[in-house]
Protein backbone atom coordinates (compact mmCIF):
# COMPACT_ATOMS: atom_id res chain seq x y z
CA UNK A 1 22.40 31.07 55.56
CA UNK A 2 20.03 32.78 58.03
CA UNK A 3 16.12 33.44 56.96
CA UNK A 4 14.11 35.76 59.39
CA UNK A 5 11.60 33.86 60.72
CA UNK A 6 8.83 36.39 59.74
CA UNK A 7 10.09 37.15 55.93
CA UNK A 8 8.67 40.06 54.33
CA UNK A 9 9.77 41.15 50.69
CA UNK A 10 8.72 43.34 47.90
CA UNK A 11 8.07 41.80 44.89
CA UNK A 12 8.83 44.56 42.72
CA UNK A 13 12.59 45.32 44.13
CA UNK A 14 12.70 41.86 45.94
CA UNK A 15 14.54 44.07 48.92
CA UNK A 16 13.91 42.44 52.04
CA UNK A 17 11.80 44.57 54.54
CA UNK A 18 11.54 43.69 58.23
CA UNK A 19 9.07 46.54 59.07
CA UNK A 20 5.05 46.02 58.48
CA UNK A 21 4.28 48.89 56.34
CA UNK A 22 1.81 48.56 53.66
CA UNK A 23 4.50 50.12 51.04
CA UNK A 24 8.06 48.60 50.46
CA UNK A 25 11.00 51.07 52.05
CA UNK A 26 12.97 50.54 49.14
CA UNK A 27 10.96 51.20 46.05
CA UNK A 28 7.66 52.29 47.68
CA UNK A 29 6.25 49.97 45.84
CA UNK A 30 2.55 48.12 47.56
CA UNK A 31 3.27 44.69 46.25
CA UNK A 32 5.11 43.42 49.85
CA UNK A 33 4.79 39.80 50.42
CA UNK A 34 4.83 38.77 54.16
CA UNK A 35 3.77 35.77 56.10
CA UNK A 36 4.95 34.07 58.97
CA UNK A 37 6.01 30.61 57.47
CA UNK A 38 6.66 32.44 54.13
CA UNK A 39 10.15 31.20 55.05
CA UNK A 40 9.71 27.59 55.03
CA UNK A 41 6.79 27.01 52.42
CA UNK A 42 8.19 25.22 49.23
CA UNK A 43 5.17 23.58 47.39
CA UNK A 44 4.22 26.15 44.25
CA UNK A 45 1.38 26.36 41.47
CA UNK A 46 2.54 28.53 38.73
CA UNK A 47 -0.25 29.55 36.16
CA UNK A 48 -0.03 31.75 33.41
CA UNK A 49 -2.51 34.36 33.54
CA UNK A 50 -5.17 34.51 30.35
CA UNK A 51 -2.03 32.38 28.64
CA UNK A 52 -3.68 32.49 25.00
CA UNK A 53 -4.88 36.03 25.06
CA UNK A 54 -1.29 37.66 27.12
CA UNK A 55 0.49 36.21 23.74
CA UNK A 56 -1.56 37.81 21.56
CA UNK A 57 -1.52 40.83 23.01
CA UNK A 58 2.63 40.84 23.46
CA UNK A 59 2.94 40.02 20.19
CA UNK A 60 0.07 42.85 18.65
CA UNK A 61 0.28 45.91 21.13
CA UNK A 62 -2.50 47.35 19.19
CA UNK A 63 -4.87 45.14 21.03
CA UNK A 64 -3.66 45.27 23.98
CA UNK A 65 -6.87 47.76 25.64
CA UNK A 66 -9.35 45.62 23.86
CA UNK A 67 -11.24 42.49 24.83
CA UNK A 68 -9.61 39.77 23.19
CA UNK A 69 -10.99 36.37 22.86
CA UNK A 70 -9.34 33.31 21.97
CA UNK A 71 -11.57 30.65 20.16
CA UNK A 72 -12.97 30.68 16.81
CA UNK A 73 -16.41 30.65 14.78
CA UNK A 74 -19.80 31.45 16.17
CA UNK A 75 -20.52 27.78 16.94
CA UNK A 76 -17.01 27.02 18.86
CA UNK A 77 -16.17 27.84 22.26
CA UNK A 78 -13.88 30.39 24.00
CA UNK A 79 -10.27 28.75 25.09
CA UNK A 80 -9.34 31.90 27.05
CA UNK A 81 -10.46 35.55 27.25
CA UNK A 82 -8.20 38.49 28.48
CA UNK A 83 -9.45 39.91 31.73
CA UNK A 84 -10.81 43.06 30.01
CA UNK A 85 -13.12 40.44 28.36
CA UNK A 86 -13.79 38.59 31.38
CA UNK A 87 -15.21 42.13 33.36
CA UNK A 88 -17.97 41.51 30.63
CA UNK A 89 -18.66 37.88 31.95
CA UNK A 90 -16.82 36.12 29.07
CA UNK A 91 -15.26 32.64 30.62
CA UNK A 92 -13.67 29.91 28.75
CA UNK A 93 -15.87 26.94 27.48
CA UNK A 94 -18.66 29.45 26.79
CA UNK A 95 -20.05 29.18 23.33
CA UNK A 96 -18.69 32.00 21.48
CA UNK A 97 -22.22 33.37 20.31
CA UNK A 98 -22.89 34.17 24.18
CA UNK A 99 -19.57 35.54 24.74
CA UNK A 100 -20.30 37.83 22.05
CA UNK A 101 -23.56 38.96 23.43
CA UNK A 102 -21.96 40.15 26.67
CA UNK A 103 -18.98 41.60 24.57
CA UNK A 104 -19.89 42.85 20.89
CA UNK A 105 -16.60 44.57 20.69
CA UNK A 106 -14.63 41.58 21.71
CA UNK A 107 -11.69 40.62 18.75
CA UNK A 108 -12.02 36.76 18.54
CA UNK A 109 -8.47 35.31 17.26
CA UNK A 110 -7.86 31.84 16.03
CA UNK A 111 -6.01 29.75 18.55
CA UNK A 112 -2.02 29.60 17.41
CA UNK A 113 -1.26 26.89 19.57
CA UNK A 114 2.53 26.42 17.69
CA UNK A 115 3.30 29.73 19.11
CA UNK A 116 1.50 28.96 22.46
CA UNK A 117 3.62 25.96 22.86
CA UNK A 118 6.61 27.99 22.14
CA UNK A 119 6.28 30.39 24.86
CA UNK A 120 5.16 27.82 27.46
CA UNK A 121 8.19 25.18 26.46
CA UNK A 122 10.27 28.66 27.05
CA UNK A 123 8.49 29.12 30.50
CA UNK A 124 8.98 25.88 31.85
CA UNK A 125 12.53 25.79 31.00
CA UNK A 126 13.20 28.78 33.13
CA UNK A 127 10.92 26.67 35.81
CA UNK A 128 13.47 23.66 35.52
CA UNK A 129 16.44 26.31 36.00
CA UNK A 130 15.31 27.07 39.54
CA UNK A 131 14.15 23.62 40.63
CA UNK A 132 13.95 19.90 38.92
CA UNK A 133 10.61 18.92 40.17
CA UNK A 134 8.28 20.59 37.97
CA UNK A 135 5.27 18.70 36.98
CA UNK A 136 3.50 20.27 34.22
CA UNK A 137 -0.63 20.34 34.46
CA UNK A 138 -0.95 21.68 30.93
CA UNK A 139 0.97 24.29 28.73
CA UNK A 140 0.57 27.35 30.79
CA UNK A 141 0.92 25.58 34.40
CA UNK A 142 2.59 23.69 36.63
CA UNK A 143 3.58 22.76 40.07
CA UNK A 144 7.19 23.28 41.72
CA UNK A 145 8.74 21.57 44.82
CA UNK A 146 11.49 23.81 45.92
CA UNK A 147 12.38 22.13 48.91
CA UNK A 148 16.42 22.26 49.38
CA UNK A 149 16.97 24.88 47.09
CA UNK A 150 17.81 27.49 49.71
CA UNK A 151 21.68 26.86 49.68
CA UNK A 152 21.43 26.83 45.72
CA UNK A 153 19.94 29.72 45.00
CA UNK A 154 20.70 31.97 48.32
CA UNK A 155 17.21 32.91 49.62
CA UNK A 156 14.17 30.89 50.21
CA UNK A 157 11.68 29.42 47.78
CA UNK A 158 9.17 32.31 47.83
CA UNK A 159 12.04 34.59 46.98
CA UNK A 160 13.39 32.30 44.19
CA UNK A 161 10.01 32.27 43.00
CA UNK A 162 9.38 35.98 42.95
CA UNK A 163 12.59 36.37 40.81
CA UNK A 164 11.50 33.72 38.00
CA UNK A 165 8.07 35.67 38.15
CA UNK A 166 10.27 38.87 37.35
CA UNK A 167 11.94 37.15 34.77
CA UNK A 168 9.05 35.93 32.76
CA UNK A 169 7.56 39.03 32.65
CA UNK A 170 10.75 40.35 31.29
CA UNK A 171 12.19 38.03 28.78
CA UNK A 172 8.54 36.57 27.69
CA UNK A 173 6.16 39.55 27.96
CA UNK A 174 3.75 37.80 29.54
CA UNK A 175 2.86 37.33 33.41
CA UNK A 176 1.98 34.36 35.87
CA UNK A 177 0.23 34.17 39.36
CA UNK A 178 2.10 32.11 42.01
CA UNK A 179 0.20 30.14 44.76
CA UNK A 180 2.50 28.69 47.58
CA UNK A 181 1.59 26.41 50.40
CA UNK A 182 2.48 23.28 52.07
CA UNK A 183 1.06 20.84 49.20
CA UNK A 184 -0.24 20.88 45.97
CA UNK A 185 -4.30 21.24 46.31
CA UNK A 186 -3.51 24.40 48.48
CA UNK A 187 -0.80 25.84 46.21
CA UNK A 188 -3.46 25.26 43.18
CA UNK A 189 -5.97 27.22 45.54
CA UNK A 190 -3.66 29.87 46.26
CA UNK A 191 -2.72 30.95 42.52
CA UNK A 192 -6.51 31.39 42.09
CA UNK A 193 -7.06 33.83 44.67
CA UNK A 194 -5.32 37.10 43.34
CA UNK A 195 -5.26 36.73 39.50
CA UNK A 196 -3.47 38.53 37.36
CA UNK A 197 0.23 38.86 38.91
CA UNK A 198 -0.90 36.92 42.24
CA UNK A 199 1.26 35.67 44.65
CA UNK A 200 -0.58 34.08 47.02
CA UNK A 201 0.07 32.04 50.14
CA UNK A 202 -1.43 29.59 52.74
CA UNK A 203 0.30 28.54 55.45
CA UNK A 204 -0.36 25.19 57.51
CA UNK A 205 -2.13 27.10 60.79
CA UNK A 206 -4.54 28.60 58.76
CA UNK A 207 -5.32 26.00 56.86
CA UNK A 208 -8.69 24.81 58.68
CA UNK A 209 -9.66 28.13 58.94
CA UNK A 210 -9.07 29.27 55.47
CA UNK A 211 -10.81 26.48 54.06
CA UNK A 212 -13.71 26.32 56.47
CA UNK A 213 -16.48 28.40 54.50
CA UNK A 214 -15.07 27.83 50.67
CA UNK A 215 -17.42 25.53 48.59
CA UNK A 216 -17.25 22.06 48.53
CA UNK A 217 -16.52 22.51 44.48
CA UNK A 218 -13.44 23.64 45.43
CA UNK A 219 -11.96 20.13 46.02
CA UNK A 220 -9.66 18.28 43.40
CA UNK A 221 -11.84 15.63 41.94
CA UNK A 222 -15.26 17.10 43.25
CA UNK A 223 -17.16 17.73 39.45
CA UNK A 224 -20.74 19.11 38.98
CA UNK A 225 -22.49 15.50 39.58
CA UNK A 226 -20.86 14.89 42.81
CA UNK A 227 -21.25 18.56 43.94
CA UNK A 228 -25.39 17.82 43.35
CA UNK A 229 -25.41 14.56 45.34
CA UNK A 230 -23.59 16.71 48.23
CA UNK A 231 -26.14 19.38 47.82
CA UNK A 232 -28.91 16.89 48.19
CA UNK A 233 -27.09 15.89 51.48
CA UNK A 234 -27.21 19.35 52.49
CA UNK A 235 -23.31 19.44 52.15
CA UNK A 236 -22.29 22.69 50.36
CA UNK A 237 -19.21 24.01 52.68
CA UNK A 238 -15.84 22.64 53.19
CA UNK A 239 -16.26 23.33 57.03
CA UNK A 240 -19.18 21.00 57.00
CA UNK A 241 -17.30 17.93 55.64
CA UNK A 242 -14.34 18.74 58.48
CA UNK A 243 -16.90 17.88 60.85
CA UNK A 244 -17.41 14.47 59.54
CA UNK A 245 -15.45 11.66 60.26
CA UNK A 246 -13.38 9.91 57.42
CA UNK A 247 -15.38 6.26 58.21
CA UNK A 248 -18.80 7.97 57.83
CA UNK A 249 -17.55 10.01 54.50
CA UNK A 250 -16.20 6.50 52.99
CA UNK A 251 -19.65 4.92 53.98
CA UNK A 252 -21.53 7.34 51.83
CA UNK A 253 -18.91 7.79 48.87
CA UNK A 254 -16.62 5.12 48.91
CA UNK A 255 -12.93 6.17 48.19
CA UNK A 256 -14.19 9.66 47.25
CA UNK A 257 -15.17 9.88 50.62
CA UNK A 258 -11.42 9.22 51.76
CA UNK A 259 -10.45 12.13 49.19
CA UNK A 260 -12.94 14.76 51.05
CA UNK A 261 -12.19 13.78 54.28
CA UNK A 262 -8.25 14.73 53.30
CA UNK A 263 -8.65 17.61 51.17
CA UNK A 264 -11.10 19.38 53.65
CA UNK A 265 -8.50 19.58 56.06
CA UNK A 266 -5.97 20.36 53.88
CA UNK A 267 -4.18 17.07 53.87
CA UNK A 268 -2.55 16.10 50.44
CA UNK A 269 0.26 13.42 50.32
CA UNK A 270 0.84 13.97 46.58
CA UNK A 271 4.09 14.53 45.63
CA UNK A 272 5.29 16.83 43.08
CA UNK A 273 6.17 14.20 40.14
CA UNK A 274 8.01 15.64 36.91
CA UNK A 275 6.29 12.92 35.28
CA UNK A 276 3.37 14.65 35.66
CA UNK A 277 -0.16 13.45 36.23
CA UNK A 278 -1.45 13.32 32.73
CA UNK A 279 -4.37 10.71 32.13
CA UNK A 280 -5.22 11.53 28.64
CA UNK A 281 -4.29 13.45 25.37
CA UNK A 282 -6.68 14.68 23.17
CA UNK A 283 -7.87 17.15 20.11
CA UNK A 284 -11.18 17.88 19.31
CA UNK A 285 -13.35 20.05 16.83
CA UNK A 286 -16.70 22.16 16.81
CA UNK A 287 -17.83 22.51 13.21
CA UNK A 288 -19.52 25.77 12.09
CA UNK A 289 -21.88 23.83 10.81
CA UNK A 290 -23.35 20.12 11.83
CA UNK A 291 -21.63 17.57 9.83
CA UNK A 292 -23.22 13.77 9.14
CA UNK A 293 -21.63 11.78 6.47
CA UNK A 294 -18.51 9.91 6.38
CA UNK A 295 -16.89 12.45 3.74
CA UNK A 296 -17.03 15.03 5.93
CA UNK A 297 -16.19 13.72 9.25
CA UNK A 298 -13.25 11.28 8.04
CA UNK A 299 -10.77 14.00 7.03
CA UNK A 300 -11.52 16.12 10.25
CA UNK A 301 -10.65 12.59 12.24
CA UNK A 302 -7.12 12.17 10.28
CA UNK A 303 -6.30 16.02 11.09
CA UNK A 304 -6.90 15.24 14.87
CA UNK A 305 -5.03 12.44 14.53
CA UNK A 306 -1.97 14.35 13.59
CA UNK A 307 -2.34 16.46 16.22
CA UNK A 308 -2.47 13.94 18.93
CA UNK A 309 0.39 11.88 17.82
CA UNK A 310 2.45 15.04 17.76
CA UNK A 311 1.42 15.58 21.60
CA UNK A 312 2.55 11.75 21.96
CA UNK A 313 5.79 12.35 20.45
CA UNK A 314 6.70 15.60 22.33
CA UNK A 315 5.74 14.13 25.51
CA UNK A 316 7.88 11.18 25.12
CA UNK A 317 4.77 8.63 25.90
CA UNK A 318 2.91 6.06 23.87
CA UNK A 319 -0.81 5.17 24.63
CA UNK A 320 -2.78 2.08 25.07
CA UNK A 321 -6.33 3.01 24.63
CA UNK A 322 -7.87 5.16 21.70
CA UNK A 323 -10.76 7.34 22.79
CA UNK A 324 -13.31 9.07 19.98
CA UNK A 325 -15.57 11.42 21.15
CA UNK A 326 -18.74 12.79 19.14
CA UNK A 327 -21.30 15.77 20.17
CA UNK A 328 -24.92 15.41 18.50
CA UNK A 329 -26.53 18.66 17.53
CA UNK A 330 -28.86 18.30 20.09
CA UNK A 331 -25.87 17.98 22.67
CA UNK A 332 -25.91 14.69 23.22
CA UNK A 333 -22.45 12.96 23.69
CA UNK A 334 -21.08 9.89 22.65
CA UNK A 335 -17.76 7.98 23.57
CA UNK A 336 -16.22 5.50 22.60
CA UNK A 337 -12.57 3.56 23.12
CA UNK A 338 -10.49 0.79 22.15
CA UNK A 339 -7.97 -1.16 23.83
CA UNK A 340 -4.76 -1.73 21.62
CA UNK A 341 -2.70 -5.18 21.74
CA UNK A 342 0.60 -2.90 21.88
CA UNK A 343 0.42 0.73 22.27
CA UNK A 344 1.40 3.46 19.67
CA UNK A 345 2.46 7.10 19.32
CA UNK A 346 1.65 6.62 15.30
CA UNK A 347 -0.75 8.89 14.02
CA UNK A 348 -1.75 6.43 11.35
CA UNK A 349 -2.67 3.95 14.12
CA UNK A 350 -4.70 6.54 15.90
CA UNK A 351 -6.89 6.95 12.78
CA UNK A 352 -6.88 3.63 11.68
CA UNK A 353 -8.64 2.97 15.32
CA UNK A 354 -10.65 6.20 15.48
CA UNK A 355 -11.86 5.02 12.12
CA UNK A 356 -13.11 1.54 12.87
CA UNK A 357 -14.86 3.45 16.02
CA UNK A 358 -16.55 6.44 13.97
CA UNK A 359 -17.94 3.84 11.42
CA UNK A 360 -20.54 2.11 13.82
CA UNK A 361 -21.57 5.64 14.66
CA UNK A 362 -22.24 6.92 10.88
CA UNK A 363 -26.07 6.58 11.31
CA UNK A 364 -27.27 10.13 9.81
CA UNK A 365 -26.64 11.66 13.11
CA UNK A 366 -25.96 15.09 12.78
CA UNK A 367 -22.96 16.10 14.85
CA UNK A 368 -21.13 19.58 16.24
CA UNK A 369 -18.13 18.36 17.53
CA UNK A 370 -15.68 15.49 17.04
CA UNK A 371 -12.76 14.71 19.27
CA UNK A 372 -10.06 11.86 18.96
CA UNK A 373 -7.85 11.17 22.16
CA UNK A 374 -5.78 8.42 23.81
CA UNK A 375 -5.21 7.39 27.31
CA UNK A 376 -3.34 4.37 29.56
CA UNK A 377 -0.06 5.60 28.56
CA UNK A 378 3.04 3.75 28.49
CA UNK A 379 6.77 4.50 27.61
CA UNK A 380 7.83 5.60 24.29
CA UNK A 381 9.81 2.53 23.64
CA UNK A 382 7.17 -0.05 23.95
CA UNK A 383 5.46 1.85 21.18
CA UNK A 384 4.28 0.30 17.61
CA UNK A 385 7.01 -2.89 17.64
CA UNK A 386 7.86 -4.48 14.57
CA UNK A 387 4.75 -5.84 12.68
CA UNK A 388 5.16 -9.03 11.00
CA UNK A 389 1.88 -9.16 9.80
CA UNK A 390 1.74 -5.81 8.27
CA UNK A 391 5.00 -5.42 6.07
CA UNK A 392 4.22 -2.00 5.32
CA UNK A 393 3.79 -0.89 9.12
CA UNK A 394 7.76 0.08 9.30
CA UNK A 395 7.44 2.23 6.23
CA UNK A 396 4.55 3.93 7.21
CA UNK A 397 6.03 4.57 10.65
CA UNK A 398 9.23 5.96 8.83
CA UNK A 399 7.49 8.26 6.48
CA UNK A 400 5.59 9.74 9.43
CA UNK A 401 9.07 10.35 11.58
CA UNK A 402 10.33 12.02 8.18
CA UNK A 403 6.85 14.24 7.83
CA UNK A 404 7.08 14.72 11.88
CA UNK A 405 10.96 16.34 10.85
CA UNK A 406 9.78 18.15 8.44
CA UNK A 407 7.08 20.14 10.20
CA UNK A 408 9.54 20.52 13.45
CA UNK A 409 11.49 22.47 10.85
CA UNK A 410 9.25 24.57 8.89
CA UNK A 411 6.41 24.33 10.58
CA UNK A 412 3.01 22.25 11.14
CA UNK A 413 1.23 24.02 7.66
CA UNK A 414 4.63 23.09 5.34
CA UNK A 415 3.46 19.43 4.65
CA UNK A 416 -0.05 18.10 4.72
CA UNK A 417 -1.59 14.61 4.02
CA UNK A 418 -4.21 13.64 1.51
CA UNK A 419 -7.03 13.44 4.17
CA UNK A 420 -6.31 17.49 4.97
CA UNK A 421 -4.85 19.02 1.79
CA UNK A 422 -7.72 19.74 -0.39
CA UNK A 423 -10.19 20.90 2.17
CA UNK A 424 -7.09 23.16 3.71
CA UNK A 425 -6.93 24.81 0.12
CA UNK A 426 -10.65 25.26 0.20
CA UNK A 427 -10.46 27.10 3.45
CA UNK A 428 -8.56 29.39 2.31
CA UNK A 429 -11.65 31.58 1.52
CA UNK A 430 -12.25 33.03 5.09
CA UNK A 431 -15.60 32.30 6.79
CA UNK A 432 -17.85 35.26 7.45
CA UNK A 433 -17.92 36.41 10.58
CA UNK A 434 -18.02 39.62 12.28
CA UNK A 435 -14.64 40.51 13.88
CA UNK A 436 -13.50 37.37 13.76
CA UNK A 437 -9.86 37.32 12.67
CA UNK A 438 -8.25 34.04 10.89
CA UNK A 439 -11.57 31.94 11.75
CA UNK A 440 -11.00 28.67 10.93
CA UNK A 441 -13.58 26.24 8.73
CA UNK A 442 -13.75 24.57 11.95
CA UNK A 443 -12.97 25.55 15.57
CA UNK A 444 -11.13 23.23 17.75
CA UNK A 445 -10.90 23.63 21.60
CA UNK A 446 -7.04 24.04 22.37
CA UNK A 447 -6.07 23.22 18.77
CA UNK A 448 -7.02 24.14 15.16
CA UNK A 449 -7.79 22.10 12.78
CA UNK A 450 -8.92 21.60 9.02
CA UNK A 451 -11.59 19.56 7.25
CA UNK A 452 -11.79 18.01 4.11
CA UNK A 453 -14.40 17.42 1.67
CA UNK A 454 -14.08 13.83 0.55
CA UNK A 455 -11.48 11.23 2.14
CA UNK A 456 -8.52 9.97 -0.40
CA UNK A 457 -7.90 6.43 -0.96
CA UNK A 458 -5.98 4.59 1.73
CA UNK A 459 -2.04 5.15 1.80
CA UNK A 460 -2.88 8.36 0.20
CA UNK A 461 0.69 10.42 -0.28
CA UNK A 462 1.62 13.65 1.34
CA UNK A 463 1.76 16.59 -0.41
CA UNK A 464 3.46 19.99 0.29
CA UNK A 465 1.06 23.12 0.17
CA UNK A 466 2.92 25.73 -2.04
């Protein structure tokens, strides 16, 4: 297949246009992509635009011209906000009450994770149709490697990606942004340059110049603490790192110095890994009112444990470490973890381990947030071996598998355990909140959950919500 050395094409009609005009000669669209390396670049990062809000606006046309915040209660945080709300300064992870001060007319919706997961899987399936090398980063973004797909698709990777973008918009009703480059680090940066509906390219020849004036915080792995440390030494731009040698950076910052040296020069040898680079799976919730007692916290822990277990099963993984996270009313965070003898993916074991950890933290402190997560992943086949001591373990595992099948068929809310059922019924009365729709009794970042007011006895049987 012959590919022009300086490829240009229209993102709307996909016509190849060799001229340097600002608009497509075929359809008149201004959305023309052109770059000297466009025909050879094959590493992409695709990110859905304001994903949760976009799905809600797709399903509720009356909201399309309104500012929409996905998050929840007054004490919760913003999971995402549509671009209209972002114009007013609303950002992800911002406390909801601050977001409403900035954008008082916003409609605040409770996250519908089941719906978002379904759309996310559909996007992922469309990615896999063009290349098997898809590395998921989250429900709404992934890296793709289209190297060697030119003959398969009869066009260079850039045009295959443009066609994928069109298919996603037409079939799923949401938009995505694409970053295309020669490695993952730069592709991820590129996808953020032109949102929404962006298609940005960073080539090899321009890499150093492009990065030179960018803030060091743009480098993957540089968090707030590292950024502050670098600033104290007068280092604020990537260009400053480009003037330093690797030995000096490693002497100052250890292995992180090696990363700073490479990424500041646009060097990233990581491959697109279909197994992903996921380090942990977790679920957490922020309460409308601070909680402090065992009776209040334990049912929430159970609900979150079930969510984490379902995510483990969906990704065909098990985990060897359970992590508990609690944030007090004065915003102090406690993190506790426990290593398991055998990896698990059962809600029962995640909950029991979390329960042992939380018992030590219930000391009268009032908490505004509770989370449970897992790390140190192992293959699912290694999970939960037969227990000769706990003869009921196998029976509980079979019961949990049966519940999972019912929930897959009828929905997450079709079956509740006793830990969550009574509070689910109690929380049917909406919490008063101005212009909040379906506001839950608790608000979880990324997932909704419900809390019970009293724990049932151990082994409480599941009950069906009527």
